[in-house]
N, C-alpha and C. Protein backbone atom coordinates (compact mmCIF):
# COMPACT_ATOMS: atom_id res chain seq x y z
N MET A 1 12.37 -18.25 -2.50
CA MET A 1 11.23 -18.66 -2.33
C MET A 1 9.94 -17.60 -2.16
N LYS A 2 8.95 -17.80 -3.05
CA LYS A 2 7.84 -16.74 -2.85
C LYS A 2 6.93 -17.38 -1.61
N ILE A 3 6.76 -16.34 -1.08
CA ILE A 3 5.41 -16.40 0.17
C ILE A 3 4.52 -15.39 0.22
N ASP A 4 3.61 -15.75 0.85
CA ASP A 4 2.38 -15.02 1.03
C ASP A 4 2.64 -14.09 2.91
N ILE A 5 2.12 -13.19 2.91
CA ILE A 5 2.26 -12.38 4.12
C ILE A 5 0.65 -12.21 4.69
N TYR A 6 0.47 -12.64 6.06
CA TYR A 6 -1.06 -12.43 6.45
C TYR A 6 -0.64 -11.83 7.83
N VAL A 7 -1.57 -10.72 8.39
CA VAL A 7 -1.43 -10.33 9.78
C VAL A 7 -2.77 -10.68 10.37
N SER A 8 -2.58 -10.69 11.72
CA SER A 8 -3.82 -11.13 12.49
C SER A 8 -4.66 -10.07 12.74
N GLU A 9 -5.97 -10.43 12.46
CA GLU A 9 -6.81 -8.96 12.68
C GLU A 9 -7.64 -9.26 14.26
N LYS A 10 -6.55 -9.86 15.10
CA LYS A 10 -7.38 -10.10 16.55
C LYS A 10 -7.41 -8.93 17.36
N GLY A 11 -6.69 -7.96 16.99
CA GLY A 11 -6.88 -6.73 17.79
C GLY A 11 -5.63 -6.32 18.88
N ASN A 12 -4.83 -7.45 18.80
CA ASN A 12 -3.61 -7.30 19.49
C ASN A 12 -3.05 -5.64 19.46
N SER A 13 -2.18 -5.33 20.50
CA SER A 13 -1.39 -4.22 20.55
C SER A 13 0.21 -4.50 19.61
N LEU A 14 0.58 -5.76 19.81
CA LEU A 14 1.67 -6.14 18.79
C LEU A 14 1.07 -7.18 17.76
N PRO A 15 1.53 -6.74 16.39
CA PRO A 15 1.47 -7.44 15.19
C PRO A 15 1.56 -8.85 15.40
N ARG A 16 0.70 -9.92 14.98
CA ARG A 16 1.10 -11.08 14.70
C ARG A 16 1.31 -11.69 13.11
N TYR A 17 2.27 -12.12 12.55
CA TYR A 17 2.40 -12.25 11.08
C TYR A 17 2.46 -13.75 10.77
N GLY A 18 2.02 -14.13 9.85
CA GLY A 18 2.05 -15.40 9.16
C GLY A 18 2.55 -15.52 7.85
N LEU A 19 3.53 -16.51 7.71
CA LEU A 19 4.06 -16.36 6.33
C LEU A 19 3.65 -17.68 5.76
N LEU A 20 3.07 -17.89 4.53
CA LEU A 20 2.62 -19.02 4.03
C LEU A 20 3.74 -19.08 2.73
N ARG A 21 3.86 -20.18 2.40
CA ARG A 21 4.36 -20.29 0.74
C ARG A 21 3.13 -20.05 -0.03
N VAL A 22 3.51 -19.39 -1.15
CA VAL A 22 2.67 -18.89 -2.10
C VAL A 22 1.54 -19.65 -2.35
N ASN A 23 0.42 -19.35 -2.37
CA ASN A 23 -0.62 -20.43 -2.56
C ASN A 23 -1.22 -21.56 -1.89
N GLY A 24 -0.24 -21.13 -0.45
CA GLY A 24 -0.40 -22.22 0.34
C GLY A 24 -1.83 -22.16 1.01
N PRO A 25 -2.27 -23.29 1.69
CA PRO A 25 -3.80 -23.00 2.70
C PRO A 25 -3.72 -22.36 3.67
N VAL A 26 -4.69 -21.04 3.63
CA VAL A 26 -4.46 -20.54 4.78
C VAL A 26 -4.87 -21.10 5.89
N SER A 27 -5.38 -22.18 6.04
CA SER A 27 -6.05 -23.28 7.35
C SER A 27 -4.59 -23.49 7.98
N LEU A 28 -3.42 -23.38 7.54
CA LEU A 28 -2.14 -23.82 8.38
C LEU A 28 -2.01 -22.52 9.21
N LEU A 29 -2.25 -21.23 8.95
CA LEU A 29 -2.33 -20.26 10.35
C LEU A 29 -2.95 -20.54 11.35
N PRO A 30 -2.59 -20.25 12.59
CA PRO A 30 -3.07 -20.49 13.89
C PRO A 30 -4.58 -20.29 13.66
N SER A 31 -5.57 -21.26 14.63
CA SER A 31 -6.55 -21.15 14.34
C SER A 31 -7.22 -20.13 15.46
N GLY A 32 -8.25 -19.74 15.53
CA GLY A 32 -8.86 -18.93 16.49
C GLY A 32 -8.46 -17.26 16.32
N GLU A 33 -8.01 -17.10 15.32
CA GLU A 33 -7.84 -15.57 14.62
C GLU A 33 -8.08 -15.49 13.23
N SER A 34 -8.54 -14.49 13.02
CA SER A 34 -8.94 -14.08 11.54
C SER A 34 -7.45 -13.42 10.96
N TRP A 35 -7.39 -13.64 9.85
CA TRP A 35 -6.06 -13.58 8.96
C TRP A 35 -6.43 -12.79 7.72
N ALA A 36 -5.46 -11.78 7.72
CA ALA A 36 -5.77 -10.96 6.51
C ALA A 36 -4.70 -10.93 5.57
N TYR A 37 -4.80 -10.63 4.27
CA TYR A 37 -3.44 -11.20 3.56
C TYR A 37 -2.91 -9.51 3.13
N VAL A 38 -1.58 -9.34 3.22
CA VAL A 38 -1.18 -8.36 3.31
C VAL A 38 -0.39 -7.87 1.98
N ARG A 39 0.47 -9.41 1.39
CA ARG A 39 1.13 -9.29 0.24
C ARG A 39 2.00 -10.43 0.06
N SER A 40 2.28 -10.43 -1.21
CA SER A 40 3.39 -11.75 -1.60
C SER A 40 4.82 -11.16 -1.74
N GLY A 41 5.75 -11.70 -1.72
CA GLY A 41 7.09 -11.47 -1.95
C GLY A 41 8.02 -12.52 -1.88
N ASP A 42 9.43 -12.43 -2.12
CA ASP A 42 10.21 -13.35 -2.31
C ASP A 42 11.22 -13.18 -0.58
N THR A 43 11.35 -14.38 -0.42
CA THR A 43 12.10 -14.37 1.07
C THR A 43 13.65 -13.68 1.14
N ALA A 44 13.99 -13.69 -0.03
CA ALA A 44 15.27 -12.99 -0.13
C ALA A 44 14.80 -11.28 0.05
N GLU A 45 13.98 -10.67 -0.38
CA GLU A 45 13.42 -9.33 -0.17
C GLU A 45 13.34 -8.94 1.43
N PHE A 46 12.68 -9.98 2.07
CA PHE A 46 12.92 -9.71 3.44
C PHE A 46 13.75 -9.99 4.41
N HIS A 47 15.29 -10.55 3.92
CA HIS A 47 16.15 -10.90 4.58
C HIS A 47 16.01 -11.86 5.67
N LEU A 48 14.89 -12.69 5.67
CA LEU A 48 14.72 -13.60 6.64
C LEU A 48 15.74 -14.58 7.18
N PRO A 49 15.71 -14.81 8.36
CA PRO A 49 16.71 -15.89 9.01
C PRO A 49 16.69 -17.35 8.18
N GLU A 50 17.61 -17.83 8.29
CA GLU A 50 17.73 -19.07 7.33
C GLU A 50 16.90 -20.01 8.31
N ALA A 51 16.51 -19.90 9.57
CA ALA A 51 15.77 -21.03 9.91
C ALA A 51 14.18 -20.70 9.91
N VAL A 52 14.03 -19.54 9.61
CA VAL A 52 12.56 -19.04 9.31
C VAL A 52 12.32 -19.74 7.83
N GLU A 53 13.30 -19.33 6.73
CA GLU A 53 13.27 -19.82 5.70
C GLU A 53 13.11 -21.53 5.58
N GLN A 54 13.88 -22.15 6.44
CA GLN A 54 13.78 -23.56 6.39
C GLN A 54 12.30 -24.11 6.82
N GLU A 55 11.92 -23.71 8.03
CA GLU A 55 10.65 -23.74 8.37
C GLU A 55 9.57 -23.58 7.63
N ILE A 56 9.65 -22.47 6.62
CA ILE A 56 8.45 -22.50 5.55
C ILE A 56 8.54 -23.60 4.45
N GLU A 57 9.82 -23.61 4.27
CA GLU A 57 10.29 -25.21 2.97
C GLU A 57 9.55 -26.29 3.86
N ARG A 58 9.81 -26.38 5.19
CA ARG A 58 9.31 -27.86 5.70
C ARG A 58 7.83 -27.88 6.22
N ARG A 59 7.61 -26.99 6.89
CA ARG A 59 5.95 -27.05 7.19
C ARG A 59 4.99 -26.07 6.29
N GLY A 60 5.58 -25.13 5.55
CA GLY A 60 4.61 -24.46 4.83
C GLY A 60 4.10 -23.16 5.30
N ILE A 61 4.62 -22.87 6.33
CA ILE A 61 4.24 -21.71 7.48
C ILE A 61 5.21 -21.56 8.28
N TRP A 62 4.97 -19.97 9.00
CA TRP A 62 5.79 -19.30 10.17
C TRP A 62 5.19 -18.46 10.67
N ALA A 63 4.86 -18.50 11.81
CA ALA A 63 4.04 -17.21 12.50
C ALA A 63 4.71 -16.82 13.72
N HIS A 64 4.58 -15.60 13.93
CA HIS A 64 5.20 -15.09 15.05
C HIS A 64 4.51 -13.56 15.36
N THR A 65 4.39 -13.40 16.57
CA THR A 65 4.30 -12.09 17.24
C THR A 65 5.10 -11.40 17.50
N PHE A 66 5.52 -10.41 17.02
CA PHE A 66 6.81 -9.47 17.11
C PHE A 66 6.60 -8.58 18.49
N GLY A 67 7.89 -8.76 19.16
CA GLY A 67 7.65 -7.74 20.41
C GLY A 67 7.38 -8.50 21.38
N GLU A 68 7.14 -9.93 21.55
CA GLU A 68 6.93 -10.89 22.52
C GLU A 68 8.48 -11.76 22.66
N GLY A 69 9.43 -11.37 22.04
CA GLY A 69 10.40 -12.23 22.21
C GLY A 69 10.40 -13.60 21.40
N ALA A 70 11.03 -14.80 21.68
CA ALA A 70 10.64 -16.03 21.07
C ALA A 70 9.61 -16.70 21.26
N PRO A 71 9.13 -17.26 20.26
CA PRO A 71 7.86 -18.09 20.48
C PRO A 71 7.94 -19.20 21.46
N PRO A 72 6.89 -19.76 21.96
CA PRO A 72 7.21 -20.75 23.23
C PRO A 72 7.67 -21.86 22.66
N SER A 73 8.33 -22.69 22.98
CA SER A 73 8.73 -24.14 22.25
C SER A 73 7.37 -24.72 22.05
N GLY A 74 7.47 -25.40 20.73
CA GLY A 74 6.51 -26.07 20.12
C GLY A 74 5.39 -25.55 19.66
N SER A 75 5.73 -24.31 19.70
CA SER A 75 4.42 -23.09 18.98
C SER A 75 5.07 -22.74 17.57
N VAL A 76 4.14 -22.43 16.85
CA VAL A 76 4.67 -22.07 15.52
C VAL A 76 4.87 -20.25 15.43
């Protein structure tokens, strides 16, 4: 599956990434943050866990702050 990769420009010390289906609406990314497009690619290229790919297929998005462990229950 083709995805677009975004990174939050919120200024956090830990990067927050958002993955959207190609041409998906940026409005799906968490609000309150400014998102910058990084690049597009295929999920196979990034060796994403199956659960992440399934969430992108189901919801069109997956976002996570790396380095903080698992996201809280119910968050994207």
